[in-house]
Amino acid sequence: MPDDVDPLRAAWPGLSDLGAVALVGNAPGTEARAADAAAAVLRFNNAPGFGGRSGSRVTHLALVNRGGQMREWLADPGFLDRPVVRQAEAFVLPFPMLPEAQNRPEPICFTRGALALLRPLGKPVHVLPEELHDEARRVLEAGTGAGGRPNPSTGFLIALALLLGRPAGAPAVEAHGFGFAGWPGHPWAAERAWFTDAAAAGRLRLHPPPADG
């Protein structure tokens, strides 16, 4: 996907240099202390289990920047004091910024507010490009049969970005705690199939491994 990789790397400088990566999802009961040994540890949103059963390191924190969750964070005066936020070295916002005209009358995109909140911390904030979303929808539609313009999850978008933006021969991404369940608007079965295929190809490893059949 050469035409799509350049916008991705422009949006996330250093993506191709992350080395060994642990991707820690938020499935209930995730045990991922081994993730702390990776050069880069990517976590999501409220990162349940951080500091305990899911490990104590985070280099990149992905924060969903559309919908009510970001609205709640922007209204929370203690958000920047959360341990996972304080310890993150960089932030990833998975959705590109909507033009103001498309964000009315009821706003769904809170990218501007998120940038205003996070930038004073002096840490990089990467906003993933529309090209990545186009590729995610193409993969989910063509590769797994998910129709109707599927809405990829943040975990899927970050995993796809890692596999697209890293050089050939990079270590397999270690993915912990992906339960493929949650908000019903995401195509969980299709995402599970993609992760399983990527694991079979040696591009990532799922912990625990997918059940046979």
N, C-alpha and C. Protein backbone atom coordinates (compact mmCIF):
# COMPACT_ATOMS: atom_id res chain seq x y z
N MET A 1 0.83 -1.19 0.00
CA MET A 1 0.00 0.00 0.00
C MET A 1 0.87 1.25 0.00
N PRO A 2 1.74 1.43 -0.96
CA PRO A 2 2.72 2.53 -0.92
C PRO A 2 2.08 3.90 -0.83
N ASP A 3 0.96 4.12 -1.53
CA ASP A 3 0.35 5.45 -1.52
C ASP A 3 -0.19 5.82 -0.15
N ASP A 4 -0.49 4.81 0.69
CA ASP A 4 -1.09 5.09 1.98
C ASP A 4 -0.06 5.14 3.11
N VAL A 5 1.11 4.55 2.88
CA VAL A 5 2.09 4.50 3.96
C VAL A 5 2.68 5.88 4.23
N ASP A 6 2.95 6.67 3.19
CA ASP A 6 3.57 7.97 3.41
C ASP A 6 2.73 8.89 4.29
N PRO A 7 1.41 9.05 4.06
CA PRO A 7 0.62 9.87 4.98
C PRO A 7 0.65 9.34 6.40
N LEU A 8 0.68 8.03 6.54
CA LEU A 8 0.72 7.45 7.88
C LEU A 8 2.03 7.79 8.58
N ARG A 9 3.14 7.63 7.90
CA ARG A 9 4.43 7.94 8.52
C ARG A 9 4.59 9.43 8.77
N ALA A 10 3.96 10.25 7.92
CA ALA A 10 4.00 11.69 8.16
C ALA A 10 3.21 12.05 9.42
N ALA A 11 2.10 11.35 9.62
CA ALA A 11 1.27 11.62 10.80
C ALA A 11 1.90 11.06 12.08
N TRP A 12 2.67 10.00 11.93
CA TRP A 12 3.26 9.34 13.10
C TRP A 12 4.76 9.17 12.86
N PRO A 13 5.54 10.22 12.94
CA PRO A 13 7.00 10.10 12.76
C PRO A 13 7.58 9.14 13.80
N GLY A 14 8.50 8.33 13.36
CA GLY A 14 9.11 7.37 14.26
C GLY A 14 8.41 6.03 14.30
N LEU A 15 7.27 5.91 13.61
CA LEU A 15 6.54 4.65 13.62
C LEU A 15 7.40 3.50 13.13
N SER A 16 8.19 3.74 12.10
CA SER A 16 9.00 2.66 11.53
C SER A 16 10.20 2.30 12.40
N ASP A 17 10.47 3.06 13.46
CA ASP A 17 11.65 2.84 14.30
C ASP A 17 11.31 2.33 15.70
N LEU A 18 10.10 1.83 15.89
CA LEU A 18 9.68 1.48 17.25
C LEU A 18 10.36 0.22 17.78
N GLY A 19 10.86 -0.64 16.91
CA GLY A 19 11.48 -1.87 17.38
C GLY A 19 10.44 -2.85 17.88
N ALA A 20 10.77 -3.59 18.93
CA ALA A 20 9.83 -4.56 19.50
C ALA A 20 8.66 -3.83 20.13
N VAL A 21 7.44 -4.22 19.74
CA VAL A 21 6.23 -3.51 20.17
C VAL A 21 5.30 -4.46 20.90
N ALA A 22 4.77 -4.00 22.03
CA ALA A 22 3.67 -4.69 22.71
C ALA A 22 2.44 -3.81 22.61
N LEU A 23 1.35 -4.40 22.15
CA LEU A 23 0.07 -3.72 22.00
C LEU A 23 -0.86 -4.32 23.05
N VAL A 24 -1.29 -3.51 24.02
CA VAL A 24 -2.03 -4.03 25.16
C VAL A 24 -3.47 -3.56 25.10
N GLY A 25 -4.38 -4.48 24.79
CA GLY A 25 -5.79 -4.17 24.74
C GLY A 25 -6.42 -4.14 26.12
N ASN A 26 -7.73 -3.91 26.12
CA ASN A 26 -8.44 -3.69 27.38
C ASN A 26 -9.45 -4.77 27.71
N ALA A 27 -9.26 -5.99 27.18
CA ALA A 27 -10.18 -7.07 27.51
C ALA A 27 -10.13 -7.33 29.02
N PRO A 28 -11.29 -7.65 29.62
CA PRO A 28 -11.30 -7.91 31.07
C PRO A 28 -10.30 -8.99 31.47
N GLY A 29 -9.60 -8.73 32.57
CA GLY A 29 -8.68 -9.72 33.11
C GLY A 29 -7.38 -9.88 32.36
N THR A 30 -7.04 -8.91 31.51
CA THR A 30 -5.82 -9.03 30.71
C THR A 30 -4.59 -9.16 31.59
N GLU A 31 -3.81 -10.20 31.35
CA GLU A 31 -2.53 -10.40 32.02
C GLU A 31 -1.44 -10.09 31.01
N ALA A 32 -0.72 -9.00 31.21
CA ALA A 32 0.25 -8.57 30.19
C ALA A 32 1.50 -7.97 30.81
N ARG A 33 1.92 -8.47 31.94
CA ARG A 33 3.13 -7.92 32.56
C ARG A 33 4.35 -8.10 31.66
N ALA A 34 4.34 -9.15 30.85
CA ALA A 34 5.47 -9.38 29.95
C ALA A 34 5.61 -8.27 28.93
N ALA A 35 4.53 -7.51 28.71
CA ALA A 35 4.58 -6.41 27.74
C ALA A 35 5.60 -5.35 28.14
N ASP A 36 5.88 -5.24 29.43
CA ASP A 36 6.80 -4.21 29.90
C ASP A 36 8.21 -4.36 29.33
N ALA A 37 8.55 -5.54 28.83
CA ALA A 37 9.89 -5.78 28.32
C ALA A 37 10.08 -5.24 26.90
N ALA A 38 8.99 -4.85 26.23
CA ALA A 38 9.09 -4.38 24.85
C ALA A 38 9.69 -2.98 24.80
N ALA A 39 10.28 -2.65 23.66
CA ALA A 39 10.82 -1.31 23.48
C ALA A 39 9.72 -0.26 23.47
N ALA A 40 8.58 -0.61 22.87
CA ALA A 40 7.43 0.30 22.83
C ALA A 40 6.22 -0.45 23.35
N VAL A 41 5.47 0.19 24.25
CA VAL A 41 4.27 -0.40 24.83
C VAL A 41 3.11 0.54 24.56
N LEU A 42 2.16 0.09 23.74
CA LEU A 42 1.02 0.91 23.34
C LEU A 42 -0.22 0.45 24.10
N ARG A 43 -0.90 1.40 24.71
CA ARG A 43 -2.11 1.11 25.47
C ARG A 43 -3.26 2.01 24.99
N PHE A 44 -4.46 1.73 25.52
CA PHE A 44 -5.66 2.36 24.99
C PHE A 44 -6.52 2.98 26.10
N ASN A 45 -6.92 4.20 25.87
CA ASN A 45 -7.97 4.86 26.65
C ASN A 45 -7.71 4.78 28.14
N ASN A 46 -8.61 4.16 28.91
CA ASN A 46 -8.45 4.14 30.37
C ASN A 46 -7.49 3.06 30.85
N ALA A 47 -7.03 2.20 29.96
CA ALA A 47 -6.00 1.19 30.26
C ALA A 47 -6.24 0.46 31.57
N PRO A 48 -7.36 -0.26 31.69
CA PRO A 48 -7.62 -0.99 32.93
C PRO A 48 -6.52 -2.00 33.21
N GLY A 49 -6.15 -2.12 34.46
CA GLY A 49 -5.08 -3.05 34.84
C GLY A 49 -3.70 -2.44 34.78
N PHE A 50 -3.58 -1.20 34.27
CA PHE A 50 -2.27 -0.57 34.22
C PHE A 50 -1.74 -0.36 35.63
N GLY A 51 -0.46 -0.70 35.82
CA GLY A 51 0.12 -0.64 37.15
C GLY A 51 -0.06 -1.91 37.94
N GLY A 52 -0.73 -2.89 37.33
CA GLY A 52 -0.97 -4.17 37.99
C GLY A 52 -0.86 -5.31 37.02
N ARG A 53 -1.99 -6.00 36.81
CA ARG A 53 -1.96 -7.25 36.03
C ARG A 53 -1.58 -7.04 34.56
N SER A 54 -1.78 -5.83 34.02
CA SER A 54 -1.46 -5.63 32.60
C SER A 54 -0.13 -4.91 32.40
N GLY A 55 0.67 -4.79 33.46
CA GLY A 55 1.99 -4.18 33.32
C GLY A 55 2.03 -2.74 33.77
N SER A 56 3.23 -2.17 33.80
CA SER A 56 3.42 -0.83 34.37
C SER A 56 4.18 0.12 33.47
N ARG A 57 4.33 -0.22 32.19
CA ARG A 57 4.99 0.69 31.25
C ARG A 57 4.03 1.09 30.15
N VAL A 58 4.19 2.32 29.69
CA VAL A 58 3.44 2.79 28.52
C VAL A 58 4.32 3.82 27.81
N THR A 59 4.51 3.62 26.52
CA THR A 59 5.22 4.63 25.73
C THR A 59 4.25 5.45 24.89
N HIS A 60 3.19 4.81 24.40
CA HIS A 60 2.19 5.48 23.57
C HIS A 60 0.80 5.15 24.12
N LEU A 61 -0.02 6.17 24.28
CA LEU A 61 -1.39 5.98 24.75
C LEU A 61 -2.34 6.46 23.65
N ALA A 62 -3.15 5.54 23.14
CA ALA A 62 -4.16 5.88 22.13
C ALA A 62 -5.44 6.31 22.83
N LEU A 63 -5.93 7.48 22.48
CA LEU A 63 -7.12 8.05 23.12
C LEU A 63 -8.16 8.32 22.04
N VAL A 64 -9.32 7.69 22.15
CA VAL A 64 -10.36 7.86 21.14
C VAL A 64 -10.83 9.32 21.17
N ASN A 65 -10.79 9.98 20.02
CA ASN A 65 -11.06 11.42 19.98
C ASN A 65 -12.38 11.77 19.33
N ARG A 66 -13.25 10.78 19.16
CA ARG A 66 -14.62 11.04 18.74
C ARG A 66 -15.58 10.36 19.72
N GLY A 67 -16.70 11.03 19.97
CA GLY A 67 -17.71 10.45 20.83
C GLY A 67 -17.62 10.90 22.27
N GLY A 68 -18.49 10.30 23.08
CA GLY A 68 -18.68 10.77 24.45
C GLY A 68 -17.53 10.54 25.38
N GLN A 69 -16.69 9.53 25.10
CA GLN A 69 -15.57 9.28 26.01
C GLN A 69 -14.61 10.46 26.07
N MET A 70 -14.22 11.02 24.92
CA MET A 70 -13.34 12.19 24.94
C MET A 70 -14.05 13.39 25.53
N ARG A 71 -15.33 13.53 25.30
CA ARG A 71 -16.08 14.63 25.92
C ARG A 71 -15.96 14.55 27.44
N GLU A 72 -16.07 13.34 27.98
CA GLU A 72 -15.95 13.16 29.43
C GLU A 72 -14.54 13.51 29.91
N TRP A 73 -13.54 13.06 29.18
CA TRP A 73 -12.16 13.36 29.60
C TRP A 73 -11.90 14.85 29.60
N LEU A 74 -12.40 15.56 28.61
CA LEU A 74 -12.16 17.00 28.53
C LEU A 74 -12.81 17.73 29.70
N ALA A 75 -13.86 17.15 30.25
CA ALA A 75 -14.55 17.77 31.39
C ALA A 75 -13.98 17.33 32.74
N ASP A 76 -13.01 16.41 32.72
CA ASP A 76 -12.46 15.86 33.95
C ASP A 76 -11.20 16.62 34.33
N PRO A 77 -11.22 17.43 35.41
CA PRO A 77 -10.03 18.21 35.77
C PRO A 77 -8.85 17.35 36.21
N GLY A 78 -9.10 16.08 36.52
CA GLY A 78 -8.02 15.22 36.96
C GLY A 78 -7.48 14.30 35.88
N PHE A 79 -7.94 14.50 34.63
CA PHE A 79 -7.55 13.57 33.57
C PHE A 79 -6.04 13.52 33.38
N LEU A 80 -5.38 14.66 33.35
CA LEU A 80 -3.93 14.68 33.10
C LEU A 80 -3.12 14.09 34.26
N ASP A 81 -3.77 13.91 35.41
CA ASP A 81 -3.07 13.34 36.55
C ASP A 81 -3.18 11.82 36.61
N ARG A 82 -3.91 11.22 35.69
CA ARG A 82 -4.01 9.76 35.68
C ARG A 82 -2.63 9.16 35.41
N PRO A 83 -2.26 8.09 36.14
CA PRO A 83 -0.92 7.53 35.97
C PRO A 83 -0.59 7.17 34.53
N VAL A 84 -1.52 6.57 33.80
CA VAL A 84 -1.21 6.16 32.43
C VAL A 84 -1.00 7.37 31.52
N VAL A 85 -1.67 8.48 31.82
CA VAL A 85 -1.48 9.70 31.04
C VAL A 85 -0.15 10.35 31.40
N ARG A 86 0.15 10.42 32.68
CA ARG A 86 1.41 11.03 33.11
C ARG A 86 2.61 10.28 32.56
N GLN A 87 2.54 8.96 32.53
CA GLN A 87 3.70 8.17 32.15
C GLN A 87 3.86 8.00 30.64
N ALA A 88 2.80 8.22 29.87
CA ALA A 88 2.90 8.07 28.42
C ALA A 88 3.93 9.05 27.85
N GLU A 89 4.70 8.58 26.89
CA GLU A 89 5.70 9.42 26.24
C GLU A 89 5.14 10.10 24.98
N ALA A 90 4.03 9.59 24.47
CA ALA A 90 3.39 10.15 23.28
C ALA A 90 1.94 9.69 23.28
N PHE A 91 1.12 10.40 22.51
CA PHE A 91 -0.30 10.09 22.40
C PHE A 91 -0.66 9.88 20.94
N VAL A 92 -1.63 8.99 20.71
CA VAL A 92 -2.12 8.73 19.37
C VAL A 92 -3.62 8.96 19.37
N LEU A 93 -4.10 9.85 18.50
CA LEU A 93 -5.53 10.08 18.31
C LEU A 93 -5.92 9.37 17.02
N PRO A 94 -6.79 8.36 17.10
CA PRO A 94 -7.01 7.49 15.94
C PRO A 94 -7.83 8.10 14.82
N PHE A 95 -8.60 9.16 15.09
CA PHE A 95 -9.48 9.71 14.06
C PHE A 95 -8.96 11.06 13.57
N PRO A 96 -8.97 11.28 12.25
CA PRO A 96 -8.58 12.60 11.74
C PRO A 96 -9.58 13.65 12.17
N MET A 97 -9.15 14.89 12.18
CA MET A 97 -10.00 15.99 12.62
C MET A 97 -11.08 16.29 11.58
N LEU A 98 -12.32 16.34 12.02
CA LEU A 98 -13.41 16.73 11.12
C LEU A 98 -13.41 18.23 10.92
N PRO A 99 -13.70 18.69 9.71
CA PRO A 99 -13.91 20.13 9.51
C PRO A 99 -15.06 20.62 10.38
N GLU A 100 -14.99 21.86 10.81
CA GLU A 100 -16.03 22.41 11.68
C GLU A 100 -17.42 22.24 11.09
N ALA A 101 -17.54 22.42 9.77
CA ALA A 101 -18.85 22.33 9.13
C ALA A 101 -19.46 20.94 9.24
N GLN A 102 -18.62 19.92 9.38
CA GLN A 102 -19.11 18.55 9.50
C GLN A 102 -19.28 18.11 10.95
N ASN A 103 -19.01 19.01 11.87
CA ASN A 103 -19.05 18.67 13.29
C ASN A 103 -20.19 19.40 14.00
N ARG A 104 -21.26 19.66 13.24
CA ARG A 104 -22.41 20.38 13.77
C ARG A 104 -23.69 19.66 13.34
N PRO A 105 -24.80 19.89 14.04
CA PRO A 105 -24.95 20.73 15.24
C PRO A 105 -24.45 20.05 16.51
N GLU A 106 -24.47 18.70 16.54
CA GLU A 106 -24.00 17.98 17.71
C GLU A 106 -22.59 17.49 17.44
N PRO A 107 -21.59 18.02 18.14
CA PRO A 107 -20.21 17.62 17.84
C PRO A 107 -19.97 16.15 18.17
N ILE A 108 -19.23 15.49 17.28
CA ILE A 108 -18.78 14.13 17.55
C ILE A 108 -17.26 14.04 17.56
N CYS A 109 -16.61 15.04 16.98
CA CYS A 109 -15.15 15.06 16.91
C CYS A 109 -14.63 16.06 17.94
N PHE A 110 -13.74 15.59 18.81
CA PHE A 110 -13.19 16.43 19.87
C PHE A 110 -11.66 16.54 19.75
N THR A 111 -11.19 16.45 18.51
CA THR A 111 -9.75 16.49 18.28
C THR A 111 -9.15 17.81 18.71
N ARG A 112 -9.80 18.91 18.39
CA ARG A 112 -9.25 20.22 18.76
C ARG A 112 -9.11 20.34 20.27
N GLY A 113 -10.13 19.90 21.00
CA GLY A 113 -10.06 19.96 22.45
C GLY A 113 -8.99 19.04 23.00
N ALA A 114 -8.85 17.86 22.39
CA ALA A 114 -7.83 16.92 22.85
C ALA A 114 -6.43 17.49 22.63
N LEU A 115 -6.21 18.10 21.48
CA LEU A 115 -4.90 18.71 21.21
C LEU A 115 -4.61 19.84 22.20
N ALA A 116 -5.62 20.65 22.48
CA ALA A 116 -5.43 21.75 23.42
C ALA A 116 -5.11 21.22 24.82
N LEU A 117 -5.70 20.08 25.17
CA LEU A 117 -5.46 19.48 26.48
C LEU A 117 -4.07 18.86 26.59
N LEU A 118 -3.65 18.17 25.53
CA LEU A 118 -2.44 17.36 25.60
C LEU A 118 -1.17 18.10 25.23
N ARG A 119 -1.24 19.04 24.31
CA ARG A 119 -0.02 19.68 23.82
C ARG A 119 0.79 20.40 24.90
N PRO A 120 0.17 21.01 25.90
CA PRO A 120 0.99 21.63 26.95
C PRO A 120 1.88 20.65 27.71
N LEU A 121 1.61 19.35 27.59
CA LEU A 121 2.46 18.37 28.25
C LEU A 121 3.82 18.27 27.57
N GLY A 122 3.92 18.78 26.34
CA GLY A 122 5.19 18.76 25.62
C GLY A 122 5.55 17.40 25.05
N LYS A 123 4.57 16.53 24.89
CA LYS A 123 4.80 15.20 24.33
C LYS A 123 4.17 15.13 22.94
N PRO A 124 4.71 14.31 22.04
CA PRO A 124 4.13 14.20 20.70
C PRO A 124 2.68 13.73 20.74
N VAL A 125 1.88 14.28 19.85
CA VAL A 125 0.50 13.84 19.67
C VAL A 125 0.32 13.53 18.18
N HIS A 126 0.06 12.27 17.86
CA HIS A 126 -0.07 11.83 16.48
C HIS A 126 -1.54 11.62 16.15
N VAL A 127 -2.02 12.28 15.11
CA VAL A 127 -3.41 12.14 14.66
C VAL A 127 -3.38 11.29 13.39
N LEU A 128 -3.99 10.13 13.44
CA LEU A 128 -3.91 9.20 12.32
C LEU A 128 -4.71 9.71 11.13
N PRO A 129 -4.23 9.47 9.91
CA PRO A 129 -4.82 10.08 8.73
C PRO A 129 -6.01 9.30 8.17
N GLU A 130 -6.79 9.97 7.34
CA GLU A 130 -7.94 9.35 6.70
C GLU A 130 -7.52 8.18 5.82
N GLU A 131 -6.32 8.25 5.24
CA GLU A 131 -5.84 7.15 4.40
C GLU A 131 -5.80 5.83 5.16
N LEU A 132 -5.46 5.88 6.44
CA LEU A 132 -5.45 4.66 7.24
C LEU A 132 -6.86 4.11 7.38
N HIS A 133 -7.83 5.00 7.59
CA HIS A 133 -9.22 4.55 7.71
C HIS A 133 -9.71 3.95 6.40
N ASP A 134 -9.33 4.54 5.30
CA ASP A 134 -9.71 3.99 4.00
C ASP A 134 -9.17 2.57 3.85
N GLU A 135 -7.91 2.38 4.23
CA GLU A 135 -7.31 1.06 4.12
C GLU A 135 -7.97 0.08 5.09
N ALA A 136 -8.29 0.54 6.29
CA ALA A 136 -8.95 -0.33 7.27
C ALA A 136 -10.30 -0.82 6.74
N ARG A 137 -11.07 0.10 6.17
CA ARG A 137 -12.37 -0.31 5.63
C ARG A 137 -12.19 -1.26 4.45
N ARG A 138 -11.19 -0.98 3.61
CA ARG A 138 -10.95 -1.85 2.46
C ARG A 138 -10.58 -3.26 2.93
N VAL A 139 -9.70 -3.34 3.91
CA VAL A 139 -9.27 -4.65 4.42
C VAL A 139 -10.45 -5.40 5.02
N LEU A 140 -11.26 -4.72 5.81
CA LEU A 140 -12.37 -5.40 6.48
C LEU A 140 -13.45 -5.82 5.49
N GLU A 141 -13.66 -5.02 4.46
CA GLU A 141 -14.66 -5.35 3.46
C GLU A 141 -14.18 -6.48 2.55
N ALA A 142 -12.99 -6.30 1.95
CA ALA A 142 -12.52 -7.24 0.94
C ALA A 142 -11.97 -8.53 1.55
N GLY A 143 -11.30 -8.41 2.66
CA GLY A 143 -10.64 -9.57 3.23
C GLY A 143 -11.50 -10.44 4.10
N THR A 144 -12.57 -9.89 4.68
CA THR A 144 -13.36 -10.66 5.64
C THR A 144 -14.84 -10.66 5.33
N GLY A 145 -15.27 -9.94 4.32
CA GLY A 145 -16.68 -9.94 3.96
C GLY A 145 -17.54 -9.00 4.79
N ALA A 146 -16.94 -8.11 5.56
CA ALA A 146 -17.72 -7.16 6.35
C ALA A 146 -18.20 -6.05 5.42
N GLY A 147 -19.48 -5.94 5.23
CA GLY A 147 -20.01 -4.93 4.33
C GLY A 147 -20.54 -3.72 5.08
N GLY A 148 -21.15 -2.80 4.33
CA GLY A 148 -21.81 -1.66 4.94
C GLY A 148 -20.87 -0.64 5.54
N ARG A 149 -19.73 -0.40 4.91
CA ARG A 149 -18.75 0.59 5.38
C ARG A 149 -18.43 0.35 6.86
N PRO A 150 -17.68 -0.70 7.16
CA PRO A 150 -17.41 -1.06 8.55
C PRO A 150 -16.68 0.05 9.31
N ASN A 151 -16.97 0.13 10.59
CA ASN A 151 -16.40 1.14 11.47
C ASN A 151 -15.32 0.48 12.33
N PRO A 152 -14.04 0.58 11.94
CA PRO A 152 -12.99 -0.14 12.68
C PRO A 152 -12.79 0.40 14.08
N SER A 153 -12.41 -0.48 14.98
CA SER A 153 -12.13 -0.08 16.36
C SER A 153 -10.77 0.59 16.44
N THR A 154 -10.53 1.29 17.53
CA THR A 154 -9.24 1.92 17.76
C THR A 154 -8.12 0.88 17.78
N GLY A 155 -8.37 -0.26 18.43
CA GLY A 155 -7.36 -1.30 18.48
C GLY A 155 -6.98 -1.82 17.10
N PHE A 156 -7.98 -1.98 16.24
CA PHE A 156 -7.70 -2.42 14.89
C PHE A 156 -6.90 -1.38 14.13
N LEU A 157 -7.28 -0.12 14.25
CA LEU A 157 -6.57 0.95 13.54
C LEU A 157 -5.10 1.02 13.96
N ILE A 158 -4.84 0.91 15.25
CA ILE A 158 -3.45 0.98 15.72
C ILE A 158 -2.67 -0.23 15.25
N ALA A 159 -3.27 -1.42 15.32
CA ALA A 159 -2.58 -2.61 14.86
C ALA A 159 -2.29 -2.53 13.37
N LEU A 160 -3.25 -2.06 12.59
CA LEU A 160 -3.03 -1.92 11.15
C LEU A 160 -1.94 -0.90 10.86
N ALA A 161 -1.94 0.21 11.59
CA ALA A 161 -0.89 1.22 11.41
C ALA A 161 0.48 0.63 11.68
N LEU A 162 0.60 -0.18 12.72
CA LEU A 162 1.88 -0.78 13.05
C LEU A 162 2.37 -1.70 11.94
N LEU A 163 1.46 -2.53 11.41
CA LEU A 163 1.88 -3.47 10.38
C LEU A 163 2.20 -2.78 9.06
N LEU A 164 1.51 -1.66 8.79
CA LEU A 164 1.78 -0.93 7.55
C LEU A 164 3.01 -0.04 7.66
N GLY A 165 3.25 0.52 8.84
CA GLY A 165 4.28 1.53 8.97
C GLY A 165 5.64 1.04 9.39
N ARG A 166 5.74 -0.27 9.69
CA ARG A 166 7.02 -0.82 10.14
C ARG A 166 7.71 -1.53 8.98
N PRO A 167 9.02 -1.55 8.97
CA PRO A 167 9.74 -2.15 7.83
C PRO A 167 9.59 -3.66 7.80
N ALA A 168 9.78 -4.22 6.62
CA ALA A 168 9.81 -5.67 6.49
C ALA A 168 10.92 -6.23 7.37
N GLY A 169 10.63 -7.33 8.04
CA GLY A 169 11.62 -7.92 8.92
C GLY A 169 11.58 -7.40 10.34
N ALA A 170 10.71 -6.43 10.63
CA ALA A 170 10.57 -5.95 12.01
C ALA A 170 10.00 -7.07 12.88
N PRO A 171 10.30 -7.06 14.17
CA PRO A 171 9.75 -8.10 15.04
C PRO A 171 8.23 -8.12 15.00
N ALA A 172 7.65 -9.29 15.18
CA ALA A 172 6.20 -9.40 15.23
C ALA A 172 5.65 -8.57 16.38
N VAL A 173 4.53 -7.93 16.14
CA VAL A 173 3.86 -7.16 17.18
C VAL A 173 3.25 -8.14 18.18
N GLU A 174 3.51 -7.92 19.46
CA GLU A 174 2.95 -8.77 20.51
C GLU A 174 1.65 -8.13 21.00
N ALA A 175 0.52 -8.77 20.70
CA ALA A 175 -0.80 -8.21 21.01
C ALA A 175 -1.40 -8.95 22.20
N HIS A 176 -1.64 -8.23 23.28
CA HIS A 176 -2.19 -8.79 24.51
C HIS A 176 -3.58 -8.22 24.75
N GLY A 177 -4.47 -9.05 25.26
CA GLY A 177 -5.73 -8.55 25.78
C GLY A 177 -6.69 -8.02 24.74
N PHE A 178 -6.79 -8.68 23.60
CA PHE A 178 -7.78 -8.31 22.60
C PHE A 178 -8.93 -9.31 22.67
N GLY A 179 -10.07 -8.85 23.17
CA GLY A 179 -11.22 -9.73 23.35
C GLY A 179 -12.20 -9.69 22.19
N PHE A 180 -12.04 -8.72 21.28
CA PHE A 180 -12.92 -8.58 20.12
C PHE A 180 -14.38 -8.55 20.54
N ALA A 181 -14.67 -7.66 21.47
CA ALA A 181 -16.03 -7.46 21.97
C ALA A 181 -16.11 -6.03 22.50
N GLY A 182 -17.31 -5.51 22.54
CA GLY A 182 -17.51 -4.15 23.05
C GLY A 182 -18.63 -3.46 22.30
N TRP A 183 -18.39 -2.20 21.96
CA TRP A 183 -19.42 -1.41 21.26
C TRP A 183 -19.91 -2.16 20.03
N PRO A 184 -21.22 -2.35 19.87
CA PRO A 184 -21.72 -3.19 18.78
C PRO A 184 -21.52 -2.61 17.38
N GLY A 185 -21.11 -1.37 17.27
CA GLY A 185 -20.89 -0.78 15.95
C GLY A 185 -19.60 -1.20 15.27
N HIS A 186 -18.72 -1.88 15.99
CA HIS A 186 -17.47 -2.35 15.39
C HIS A 186 -17.64 -3.77 14.84
N PRO A 187 -16.98 -4.09 13.73
CA PRO A 187 -17.09 -5.43 13.14
C PRO A 187 -16.15 -6.41 13.81
N TRP A 188 -16.50 -6.85 15.01
CA TRP A 188 -15.57 -7.63 15.83
C TRP A 188 -15.15 -8.93 15.16
N ALA A 189 -16.09 -9.64 14.55
CA ALA A 189 -15.73 -10.91 13.92
C ALA A 189 -14.73 -10.70 12.79
N ALA A 190 -14.93 -9.64 12.01
CA ALA A 190 -14.01 -9.34 10.92
C ALA A 190 -12.63 -8.96 11.46
N GLU A 191 -12.61 -8.18 12.53
CA GLU A 191 -11.32 -7.80 13.12
C GLU A 191 -10.59 -9.01 13.68
N ARG A 192 -11.33 -9.90 14.35
CA ARG A 192 -10.71 -11.12 14.86
C ARG A 192 -10.08 -11.93 13.73
N ALA A 193 -10.80 -12.03 12.60
CA ALA A 193 -10.28 -12.79 11.45
C ALA A 193 -8.99 -12.16 10.93
N TRP A 194 -8.94 -10.83 10.89
CA TRP A 194 -7.72 -10.15 10.40
C TRP A 194 -6.56 -10.41 11.36
N PHE A 195 -6.79 -10.28 12.66
CA PHE A 195 -5.74 -10.55 13.64
C PHE A 195 -5.25 -11.99 13.51
N THR A 196 -6.18 -12.92 13.34
CA THR A 196 -5.81 -14.33 13.23
C THR A 196 -4.97 -14.56 11.99
N ASP A 197 -5.34 -13.94 10.87
CA ASP A 197 -4.56 -14.07 9.64
C ASP A 197 -3.17 -13.46 9.80
N ALA A 198 -3.10 -12.29 10.44
CA ALA A 198 -1.80 -11.65 10.65
C ALA A 198 -0.91 -12.50 11.56
N ALA A 199 -1.53 -13.16 12.54
CA ALA A 199 -0.76 -14.04 13.42
C ALA A 199 -0.25 -15.25 12.64
N ALA A 200 -1.10 -15.81 11.78
CA ALA A 200 -0.68 -16.96 10.98
C ALA A 200 0.46 -16.60 10.04
N ALA A 201 0.50 -15.34 9.59
CA ALA A 201 1.56 -14.88 8.70
C ALA A 201 2.82 -14.49 9.45
N GLY A 202 2.80 -14.55 10.78
CA GLY A 202 3.97 -14.22 11.57
C GLY A 202 4.19 -12.74 11.77
N ARG A 203 3.18 -11.91 11.48
CA ARG A 203 3.35 -10.46 11.59
C ARG A 203 2.99 -9.96 12.98
N LEU A 204 2.20 -10.72 13.70
CA LEU A 204 1.93 -10.41 15.10
C LEU A 204 1.67 -11.70 15.85
N ARG A 205 1.72 -11.63 17.16
CA ARG A 205 1.41 -12.78 18.01
C ARG A 205 0.32 -12.36 18.98
N LEU A 206 -0.71 -13.19 19.08
CA LEU A 206 -1.82 -12.94 19.99
C LEU A 206 -1.60 -13.66 21.31
N HIS A 207 -1.82 -12.94 22.41
CA HIS A 207 -1.70 -13.52 23.74
C HIS A 207 -3.02 -13.28 24.48
N PRO A 208 -3.77 -14.33 24.83
CA PRO A 208 -3.51 -15.73 24.49
C PRO A 208 -3.77 -15.99 23.02
N PRO A 209 -3.23 -17.08 22.50
CA PRO A 209 -3.45 -17.38 21.07
C PRO A 209 -4.90 -17.68 20.80
N PRO A 210 -5.37 -17.46 19.56
CA PRO A 210 -6.76 -17.73 19.24
C PRO A 210 -7.06 -19.22 19.38
N ALA A 211 -8.29 -19.50 19.82
CA ALA A 211 -8.71 -20.89 19.95
C ALA A 211 -8.85 -21.53 18.58
N ASP A 212 -8.49 -22.79 18.48
CA ASP A 212 -8.62 -23.51 17.22
C ASP A 212 -10.08 -23.64 16.83
N GLY A 213 -10.32 -23.55 15.49
CA GLY A 213 -11.68 -23.71 14.99
C GLY A 213 -12.51 -22.52 15.21
